[in-house]
Each structure stands twice: as C-alpha cells, then as structure tokens.
Amino acid sequence: MRPDGSAPRQLTDGPWDDRGAAWSPDGTYITFSSERGGDPVTGTAFGLWTVDPDSGRLRRLTGGDFEDLDPAWRPDGRSLVCLRAARRPDGGSDGGPALVRVSGADGTTEAVRTVAEGRLLCSSVSPGAPRPSRRVSAAWTATSAP
C-alpha cells in the first residue's frame, strides 16, 4: 500500500484466522497473531508471525499449546510484548493470564506480568517512558466471587 492508502495488497492468505497486526518500529515487517499451520477447520493455537510486506515472506515467532495474541512492539524493535493464554478444549481463549516479552530475533519468551484472577485484555508499550525499560502495560479484568 502506498503512503496515501492507495494500491492495497493482500499479504496473507489461506483459511486461517489472522489478527492483531503491529508494524515493527522501523517499518520493515508486520507482526500478527495467527492460527495458521494447522488444520484449516479446527485451527491450531494462535502464534505470532511476521511478514515482510515487500516479499510476502512469513516467519513464525512463537508456537505451542497456548494462545499468543495482541502483539505490541517495543520502540527499539528488538522485542515485543503479547498476551499469552492457555488454549481451551473448545479451541478458544478468553484473554490471558500472562503478558510476555518476545524476542524479535528468535521468538524466545519471558513473562513480564501475570494475574492470578481475571484476565488480561490488551498489551501496550509506552514509547515516552524513560529508558532503558520503557513502560510495558496491560489492561485486565478482575474476577470477583458472587
């Protein structure tokens, strides 16, 4: 797509659910969550993928028996954060109990924040926070007893 929004083109294809796209800070690739790679009907757990918008080349960053959703890049472009949730038996998830940092180079992960009750809803990175940490945050809901 051109800067003015004209000439859009499709970067992914297939029967899989792709969502939550985030441009890398240097604009060289897009990271997104996808259930691609498994059965097109039942899917697989959502993992993080990158796509080079020029070549269309896909690369898987994370995978496993959990759902990695809602990627947000750190300003230096070396890592990103995402929500991580256990995959339910019915194939879905409801947010997640963990915010994880993911290496943009090799996909290794590290827990940044977990919640014991409730669920995380979204992740974000504040580029205006003081270096070197930059503020990483998540919104969550609490589970209360009836």
N, C-alpha and C. Protein backbone atom coordinates (compact mmCIF):
# COMPACT_ATOMS: atom_id res chain seq x y z
N MET A 1 0.84 -1.16 0.00
CA MET A 1 0.00 0.00 0.00
C MET A 1 0.89 1.24 0.00
N ARG A 2 0.47 2.20 -0.76
CA ARG A 2 1.21 3.47 -0.80
C ARG A 2 0.88 4.29 0.44
N PRO A 3 1.76 5.24 0.79
CA PRO A 3 1.51 6.09 1.98
C PRO A 3 0.15 6.78 1.96
N ASP A 4 -0.38 7.05 0.77
CA ASP A 4 -1.68 7.74 0.70
C ASP A 4 -2.86 6.76 0.84
N GLY A 5 -2.56 5.46 1.02
CA GLY A 5 -3.62 4.46 1.21
C GLY A 5 -4.07 3.80 -0.08
N SER A 6 -3.53 4.21 -1.20
CA SER A 6 -3.93 3.59 -2.47
C SER A 6 -3.12 2.33 -2.72
N ALA A 7 -3.56 1.52 -3.64
CA ALA A 7 -2.90 0.28 -4.07
C ALA A 7 -2.68 -0.71 -2.93
N PRO A 8 -3.73 -1.02 -2.14
CA PRO A 8 -3.54 -2.04 -1.09
C PRO A 8 -3.31 -3.41 -1.72
N ARG A 9 -2.60 -4.27 -1.00
CA ARG A 9 -2.44 -5.65 -1.48
C ARG A 9 -2.46 -6.61 -0.30
N GLN A 10 -2.94 -7.79 -0.57
CA GLN A 10 -3.08 -8.81 0.46
C GLN A 10 -1.72 -9.42 0.78
N LEU A 11 -1.42 -9.55 2.08
CA LEU A 11 -0.13 -10.10 2.49
C LEU A 11 -0.22 -11.54 2.98
N THR A 12 -1.38 -11.96 3.45
CA THR A 12 -1.55 -13.34 3.91
C THR A 12 -2.71 -13.96 3.16
N ASP A 13 -2.73 -15.28 3.16
CA ASP A 13 -3.85 -15.97 2.51
C ASP A 13 -4.10 -17.29 3.22
N GLY A 14 -5.09 -18.00 2.78
CA GLY A 14 -5.42 -19.29 3.37
C GLY A 14 -6.62 -19.18 4.29
N PRO A 15 -7.06 -20.31 4.81
CA PRO A 15 -8.28 -20.35 5.62
C PRO A 15 -8.07 -20.01 7.09
N TRP A 16 -6.88 -19.57 7.48
CA TRP A 16 -6.58 -19.34 8.89
C TRP A 16 -7.02 -17.96 9.35
N ASP A 17 -7.22 -17.84 10.63
CA ASP A 17 -7.61 -16.57 11.24
C ASP A 17 -6.34 -15.80 11.58
N ASP A 18 -6.15 -14.65 10.95
CA ASP A 18 -5.02 -13.75 11.21
C ASP A 18 -5.58 -12.49 11.85
N ARG A 19 -4.95 -12.02 12.93
CA ARG A 19 -5.47 -10.83 13.63
C ARG A 19 -4.38 -10.09 14.38
N GLY A 20 -4.71 -8.89 14.85
CA GLY A 20 -3.83 -8.13 15.74
C GLY A 20 -2.52 -7.71 15.13
N ALA A 21 -2.52 -7.10 13.96
CA ALA A 21 -1.27 -6.72 13.30
C ALA A 21 -0.61 -5.52 13.95
N ALA A 22 0.73 -5.53 13.97
CA ALA A 22 1.53 -4.43 14.51
C ALA A 22 2.79 -4.25 13.66
N TRP A 23 2.99 -3.05 13.13
CA TRP A 23 4.20 -2.75 12.36
C TRP A 23 5.41 -2.73 13.28
N SER A 24 6.54 -3.23 12.81
CA SER A 24 7.79 -3.09 13.55
C SER A 24 8.16 -1.60 13.55
N PRO A 25 8.88 -1.13 14.57
CA PRO A 25 9.20 0.30 14.65
C PRO A 25 9.94 0.86 13.44
N ASP A 26 10.75 0.02 12.79
CA ASP A 26 11.48 0.50 11.61
C ASP A 26 10.68 0.33 10.32
N GLY A 27 9.47 -0.23 10.42
CA GLY A 27 8.58 -0.36 9.26
C GLY A 27 8.96 -1.44 8.28
N THR A 28 9.86 -2.36 8.66
CA THR A 28 10.31 -3.37 7.70
C THR A 28 9.46 -4.63 7.69
N TYR A 29 8.66 -4.88 8.73
CA TYR A 29 7.77 -6.04 8.73
C TYR A 29 6.59 -5.82 9.66
N ILE A 30 5.62 -6.71 9.53
CA ILE A 30 4.40 -6.66 10.32
C ILE A 30 4.31 -7.95 11.13
N THR A 31 3.99 -7.82 12.40
CA THR A 31 3.79 -8.98 13.26
C THR A 31 2.30 -9.12 13.52
N PHE A 32 1.82 -10.36 13.56
CA PHE A 32 0.40 -10.61 13.78
C PHE A 32 0.22 -11.95 14.46
N SER A 33 -0.97 -12.17 15.02
CA SER A 33 -1.33 -13.47 15.61
C SER A 33 -2.05 -14.28 14.55
N SER A 34 -1.77 -15.58 14.50
CA SER A 34 -2.42 -16.44 13.52
C SER A 34 -2.50 -17.87 14.02
N GLU A 35 -3.54 -18.55 13.59
CA GLU A 35 -3.67 -19.98 13.87
C GLU A 35 -3.25 -20.80 12.66
N ARG A 36 -2.51 -20.20 11.76
CA ARG A 36 -2.08 -20.88 10.53
C ARG A 36 -1.14 -22.05 10.83
N GLY A 37 -1.08 -22.94 9.91
CA GLY A 37 -0.16 -24.06 10.02
C GLY A 37 -0.81 -25.34 10.49
N GLY A 38 -2.02 -25.28 10.97
CA GLY A 38 -2.70 -26.48 11.43
C GLY A 38 -3.86 -26.83 10.52
N ASP A 39 -4.78 -27.59 11.06
CA ASP A 39 -5.98 -27.97 10.33
C ASP A 39 -6.77 -26.70 10.03
N PRO A 40 -7.14 -26.45 8.75
CA PRO A 40 -7.84 -25.22 8.42
C PRO A 40 -9.25 -25.12 9.02
N VAL A 41 -9.81 -26.24 9.44
CA VAL A 41 -11.14 -26.20 10.04
C VAL A 41 -11.05 -25.95 11.54
N THR A 42 -10.23 -26.72 12.23
CA THR A 42 -10.14 -26.59 13.68
C THR A 42 -9.04 -25.63 14.12
N GLY A 43 -8.10 -25.33 13.22
CA GLY A 43 -7.02 -24.41 13.55
C GLY A 43 -6.03 -24.99 14.54
N THR A 44 -5.11 -24.17 14.94
CA THR A 44 -4.14 -24.51 15.97
C THR A 44 -4.13 -23.34 16.94
N ALA A 45 -3.34 -23.41 17.96
CA ALA A 45 -3.21 -22.28 18.88
C ALA A 45 -2.63 -21.09 18.12
N PHE A 46 -3.06 -19.88 18.50
CA PHE A 46 -2.54 -18.67 17.88
C PHE A 46 -1.08 -18.48 18.27
N GLY A 47 -0.24 -18.29 17.28
CA GLY A 47 1.16 -17.96 17.49
C GLY A 47 1.45 -16.61 16.85
N LEU A 48 2.61 -16.05 17.13
CA LEU A 48 3.00 -14.79 16.50
C LEU A 48 3.80 -15.09 15.24
N TRP A 49 3.49 -14.35 14.20
CA TRP A 49 4.16 -14.47 12.91
C TRP A 49 4.60 -13.08 12.46
N THR A 50 5.63 -13.02 11.63
CA THR A 50 5.99 -11.78 10.96
C THR A 50 5.86 -11.99 9.46
N VAL A 51 5.56 -10.91 8.77
CA VAL A 51 5.52 -10.95 7.31
C VAL A 51 6.30 -9.74 6.80
N ASP A 52 7.14 -9.98 5.80
CA ASP A 52 7.85 -8.91 5.12
C ASP A 52 6.88 -8.35 4.08
N PRO A 53 6.46 -7.10 4.19
CA PRO A 53 5.46 -6.58 3.26
C PRO A 53 5.95 -6.46 1.82
N ASP A 54 7.26 -6.44 1.60
CA ASP A 54 7.78 -6.37 0.24
C ASP A 54 7.79 -7.74 -0.44
N SER A 55 8.29 -8.76 0.26
CA SER A 55 8.42 -10.09 -0.34
C SER A 55 7.25 -11.02 -0.03
N GLY A 56 6.51 -10.74 1.06
CA GLY A 56 5.44 -11.64 1.50
C GLY A 56 5.96 -12.82 2.31
N ARG A 57 7.26 -12.86 2.58
CA ARG A 57 7.87 -13.97 3.33
C ARG A 57 7.34 -13.98 4.76
N LEU A 58 6.85 -15.15 5.20
CA LEU A 58 6.33 -15.34 6.55
C LEU A 58 7.36 -16.03 7.43
N ARG A 59 7.38 -15.66 8.71
CA ARG A 59 8.26 -16.31 9.69
C ARG A 59 7.49 -16.47 10.99
N ARG A 60 7.49 -17.67 11.53
CA ARG A 60 6.82 -17.91 12.81
C ARG A 60 7.75 -17.52 13.96
N LEU A 61 7.22 -16.71 14.89
CA LEU A 61 8.00 -16.32 16.07
C LEU A 61 7.71 -17.22 17.26
N THR A 62 6.43 -17.51 17.53
CA THR A 62 6.06 -18.34 18.68
C THR A 62 5.09 -19.42 18.26
N GLY A 63 5.01 -20.44 19.08
CA GLY A 63 4.07 -21.53 18.84
C GLY A 63 4.01 -22.42 20.06
N GLY A 64 3.02 -23.27 20.12
CA GLY A 64 2.88 -24.17 21.25
C GLY A 64 1.42 -24.37 21.60
N ASP A 65 1.16 -24.87 22.80
CA ASP A 65 -0.20 -25.16 23.24
C ASP A 65 -0.80 -23.99 24.01
N PHE A 66 -0.53 -22.79 23.61
CA PHE A 66 -1.06 -21.58 24.24
C PHE A 66 -1.41 -20.61 23.13
N GLU A 67 -2.11 -19.56 23.48
CA GLU A 67 -2.51 -18.54 22.52
C GLU A 67 -1.66 -17.28 22.76
N ASP A 68 -0.96 -16.82 21.75
CA ASP A 68 -0.23 -15.55 21.81
C ASP A 68 -0.99 -14.53 20.97
N LEU A 69 -1.47 -13.46 21.61
CA LEU A 69 -2.36 -12.50 20.97
C LEU A 69 -1.91 -11.07 21.22
N ASP A 70 -2.41 -10.16 20.41
CA ASP A 70 -2.28 -8.71 20.62
C ASP A 70 -0.82 -8.24 20.73
N PRO A 71 0.01 -8.46 19.70
CA PRO A 71 1.42 -8.03 19.78
C PRO A 71 1.56 -6.51 19.78
N ALA A 72 2.54 -6.01 20.52
CA ALA A 72 2.89 -4.58 20.55
C ALA A 72 4.42 -4.48 20.61
N TRP A 73 5.01 -3.80 19.65
CA TRP A 73 6.48 -3.69 19.57
C TRP A 73 7.03 -2.69 20.56
N ARG A 74 8.17 -3.02 21.13
CA ARG A 74 8.93 -2.05 21.94
C ARG A 74 9.61 -1.10 20.95
N PRO A 75 9.85 0.16 21.34
CA PRO A 75 10.39 1.15 20.40
C PRO A 75 11.74 0.79 19.78
N ASP A 76 12.58 0.02 20.48
CA ASP A 76 13.89 -0.32 19.92
C ASP A 76 13.81 -1.41 18.86
N GLY A 77 12.66 -2.08 18.71
CA GLY A 77 12.47 -3.09 17.67
C GLY A 77 13.11 -4.43 17.96
N ARG A 78 13.74 -4.59 19.12
CA ARG A 78 14.39 -5.87 19.43
C ARG A 78 13.44 -6.88 20.05
N SER A 79 12.34 -6.39 20.63
CA SER A 79 11.38 -7.30 21.25
C SER A 79 9.99 -6.69 21.21
N LEU A 80 9.00 -7.50 21.52
CA LEU A 80 7.63 -7.06 21.58
C LEU A 80 6.97 -7.73 22.77
N VAL A 81 5.78 -7.31 23.09
CA VAL A 81 5.00 -7.95 24.15
C VAL A 81 3.71 -8.46 23.53
N CYS A 82 3.13 -9.47 24.19
CA CYS A 82 1.84 -10.00 23.75
C CYS A 82 1.16 -10.65 24.95
N LEU A 83 -0.12 -10.91 24.80
CA LEU A 83 -0.86 -11.65 25.81
C LEU A 83 -0.68 -13.13 25.54
N ARG A 84 -0.55 -13.91 26.60
CA ARG A 84 -0.44 -15.37 26.47
C ARG A 84 -1.52 -16.01 27.31
N ALA A 85 -2.29 -16.88 26.69
CA ALA A 85 -3.39 -17.56 27.36
C ALA A 85 -3.32 -19.05 27.08
N ALA A 86 -3.85 -19.83 28.01
CA ALA A 86 -3.98 -21.27 27.78
C ALA A 86 -5.08 -21.47 26.74
N ARG A 87 -4.91 -22.46 25.90
CA ARG A 87 -5.92 -22.78 24.89
C ARG A 87 -6.97 -23.66 25.55
N ARG A 88 -8.24 -23.26 25.41
CA ARG A 88 -9.35 -24.04 25.97
C ARG A 88 -9.60 -25.30 25.14
N PRO A 89 -10.25 -26.30 25.73
CA PRO A 89 -10.56 -27.52 24.98
C PRO A 89 -11.41 -27.26 23.74
N ASP A 90 -12.24 -26.20 23.77
CA ASP A 90 -13.07 -25.90 22.60
C ASP A 90 -12.30 -25.13 21.52
N GLY A 91 -11.00 -24.87 21.76
CA GLY A 91 -10.16 -24.22 20.77
C GLY A 91 -10.03 -22.72 20.91
N GLY A 92 -10.71 -22.11 21.88
CA GLY A 92 -10.64 -20.66 22.06
C GLY A 92 -9.85 -20.27 23.29
N SER A 93 -9.89 -19.00 23.60
CA SER A 93 -9.29 -18.46 24.82
C SER A 93 -10.02 -17.18 25.17
N ASP A 94 -9.97 -16.77 26.41
CA ASP A 94 -10.61 -15.54 26.85
C ASP A 94 -9.57 -14.60 27.44
N GLY A 95 -8.82 -13.93 26.59
CA GLY A 95 -7.74 -13.10 27.10
C GLY A 95 -6.64 -14.01 27.62
N GLY A 96 -5.94 -13.59 28.62
CA GLY A 96 -4.87 -14.44 29.12
C GLY A 96 -4.40 -14.02 30.48
N PRO A 97 -3.76 -14.94 31.17
CA PRO A 97 -3.23 -14.60 32.49
C PRO A 97 -1.81 -14.05 32.46
N ALA A 98 -1.18 -13.94 31.30
CA ALA A 98 0.22 -13.50 31.27
C ALA A 98 0.49 -12.51 30.14
N LEU A 99 1.35 -11.54 30.45
CA LEU A 99 1.91 -10.64 29.47
C LEU A 99 3.35 -11.11 29.30
N VAL A 100 3.75 -11.43 28.07
CA VAL A 100 5.10 -11.95 27.85
C VAL A 100 5.87 -11.05 26.89
N ARG A 101 7.19 -11.02 27.08
CA ARG A 101 8.09 -10.33 26.17
C ARG A 101 8.62 -11.39 25.21
N VAL A 102 8.65 -11.05 23.93
CA VAL A 102 9.09 -11.97 22.90
C VAL A 102 10.26 -11.36 22.15
N SER A 103 11.35 -12.11 22.01
CA SER A 103 12.49 -11.64 21.24
C SER A 103 12.11 -11.60 19.77
N GLY A 104 12.37 -10.48 19.12
CA GLY A 104 12.10 -10.37 17.69
C GLY A 104 13.06 -11.20 16.86
N ALA A 105 14.21 -11.55 17.43
CA ALA A 105 15.21 -12.31 16.70
C ALA A 105 14.89 -13.79 16.64
N ASP A 106 14.56 -14.39 17.82
CA ASP A 106 14.40 -15.84 17.84
C ASP A 106 13.11 -16.33 18.48
N GLY A 107 12.25 -15.44 18.93
CA GLY A 107 10.96 -15.85 19.48
C GLY A 107 10.99 -16.36 20.91
N THR A 108 12.13 -16.28 21.59
CA THR A 108 12.16 -16.71 22.99
C THR A 108 11.27 -15.77 23.81
N THR A 109 10.65 -16.32 24.87
CA THR A 109 9.70 -15.55 25.65
C THR A 109 10.09 -15.47 27.11
N GLU A 110 9.59 -14.42 27.77
CA GLU A 110 9.83 -14.20 29.19
C GLU A 110 8.57 -13.54 29.76
N ALA A 111 8.05 -14.07 30.86
CA ALA A 111 6.87 -13.48 31.49
C ALA A 111 7.21 -12.10 32.05
N VAL A 112 6.37 -11.11 31.77
CA VAL A 112 6.54 -9.76 32.28
C VAL A 112 5.56 -9.51 33.43
N ARG A 113 4.33 -9.99 33.27
CA ARG A 113 3.30 -9.81 34.30
C ARG A 113 2.31 -10.95 34.19
N THR A 114 1.83 -11.41 35.33
CA THR A 114 0.77 -12.40 35.37
C THR A 114 -0.31 -11.92 36.33
N VAL A 115 -1.53 -12.40 36.12
CA VAL A 115 -2.62 -12.11 37.03
C VAL A 115 -3.18 -13.44 37.53
N ALA A 116 -3.46 -13.51 38.82
CA ALA A 116 -3.96 -14.74 39.41
C ALA A 116 -5.45 -14.91 39.16
N GLU A 117 -6.18 -13.81 39.15
CA GLU A 117 -7.62 -13.86 38.90
C GLU A 117 -7.95 -12.86 37.80
N GLY A 118 -8.95 -13.16 37.02
CA GLY A 118 -9.33 -12.29 35.92
C GLY A 118 -8.56 -12.64 34.67
N ARG A 119 -8.48 -11.69 33.76
CA ARG A 119 -7.78 -11.93 32.51
C ARG A 119 -7.24 -10.63 31.95
N LEU A 120 -6.13 -10.72 31.26
CA LEU A 120 -5.56 -9.57 30.58
C LEU A 120 -6.35 -9.33 29.29
N LEU A 121 -6.53 -8.08 28.92
CA LEU A 121 -7.33 -7.75 27.74
C LEU A 121 -6.52 -7.23 26.57
N CYS A 122 -5.47 -6.47 26.84
CA CYS A 122 -4.66 -5.93 25.75
C CYS A 122 -3.28 -5.55 26.29
N SER A 123 -2.32 -5.49 25.38
CA SER A 123 -0.97 -5.11 25.78
C SER A 123 -0.62 -3.80 25.10
N SER A 124 0.32 -3.06 25.68
CA SER A 124 0.77 -1.82 25.06
C SER A 124 2.18 -1.49 25.54
N VAL A 125 2.86 -0.67 24.76
CA VAL A 125 4.19 -0.19 25.09
C VAL A 125 4.14 1.33 25.00
N SER A 126 4.64 2.00 26.01
CA SER A 126 4.66 3.46 26.02
C SER A 126 6.02 3.96 25.58
N PRO A 127 6.13 4.50 24.37
CA PRO A 127 7.43 4.95 23.89
C PRO A 127 7.96 6.16 24.64
N GLY A 128 7.13 6.87 25.37
CA GLY A 128 7.57 8.05 26.09
C GLY A 128 8.15 7.77 27.46
N ALA A 129 8.08 6.52 27.93
CA ALA A 129 8.60 6.18 29.26
C ALA A 129 10.12 6.26 29.25
N PRO A 130 10.73 6.51 30.42
CA PRO A 130 12.19 6.65 30.49
C PRO A 130 12.93 5.39 30.05
N ARG A 131 14.05 5.57 29.40
CA ARG A 131 14.91 4.44 29.04
C ARG A 131 15.58 3.94 30.30
N PRO A 132 16.07 2.70 30.40
CA PRO A 132 16.07 1.73 29.33
C PRO A 132 14.81 0.86 29.32
N SER A 133 13.99 0.93 30.32
CA SER A 133 12.91 -0.04 30.45
C SER A 133 11.75 0.21 29.51
N ARG A 134 11.37 1.44 29.25
CA ARG A 134 10.14 1.76 28.55
C ARG A 134 8.99 1.08 29.30
N ARG A 135 7.89 1.70 29.39
CA ARG A 135 6.78 1.14 30.15
C ARG A 135 6.01 0.13 29.32
N VAL A 136 5.84 -1.07 29.87
CA VAL A 136 5.04 -2.12 29.25
C VAL A 136 3.85 -2.33 30.16
N SER A 137 2.66 -2.33 29.60
CA SER A 137 1.48 -2.46 30.45
C SER A 137 0.42 -3.31 29.79
N ALA A 138 -0.56 -3.67 30.59
CA ALA A 138 -1.70 -4.45 30.10
C ALA A 138 -2.93 -4.03 30.88
N ALA A 139 -4.07 -4.07 30.23
CA ALA A 139 -5.34 -3.84 30.92
C ALA A 139 -5.91 -5.21 31.27
N TRP A 140 -6.60 -5.31 32.42
CA TRP A 140 -7.18 -6.59 32.78
C TRP A 140 -8.47 -6.41 33.52
N THR A 141 -9.24 -7.51 33.57
CA THR A 141 -10.48 -7.53 34.34
C THR A 141 -10.24 -8.40 35.54
N ALA A 142 -10.93 -8.11 36.62
CA ALA A 142 -10.81 -8.92 37.84
C ALA A 142 -11.99 -9.87 37.92
N THR A 143 -11.74 -11.03 38.48
CA THR A 143 -12.80 -11.99 38.72
C THR A 143 -13.21 -11.85 40.18
N SER A 144 -14.47 -11.61 40.43
CA SER A 144 -14.92 -11.46 41.80
C SER A 144 -15.85 -12.60 42.17
N ALA A 145 -15.86 -12.94 43.45
CA ALA A 145 -16.73 -14.02 43.93
C ALA A 145 -18.17 -13.52 43.96
N PRO A 146 -19.16 -14.40 43.67
CA PRO A 146 -20.57 -13.97 43.66
C PRO A 146 -21.05 -13.62 45.04
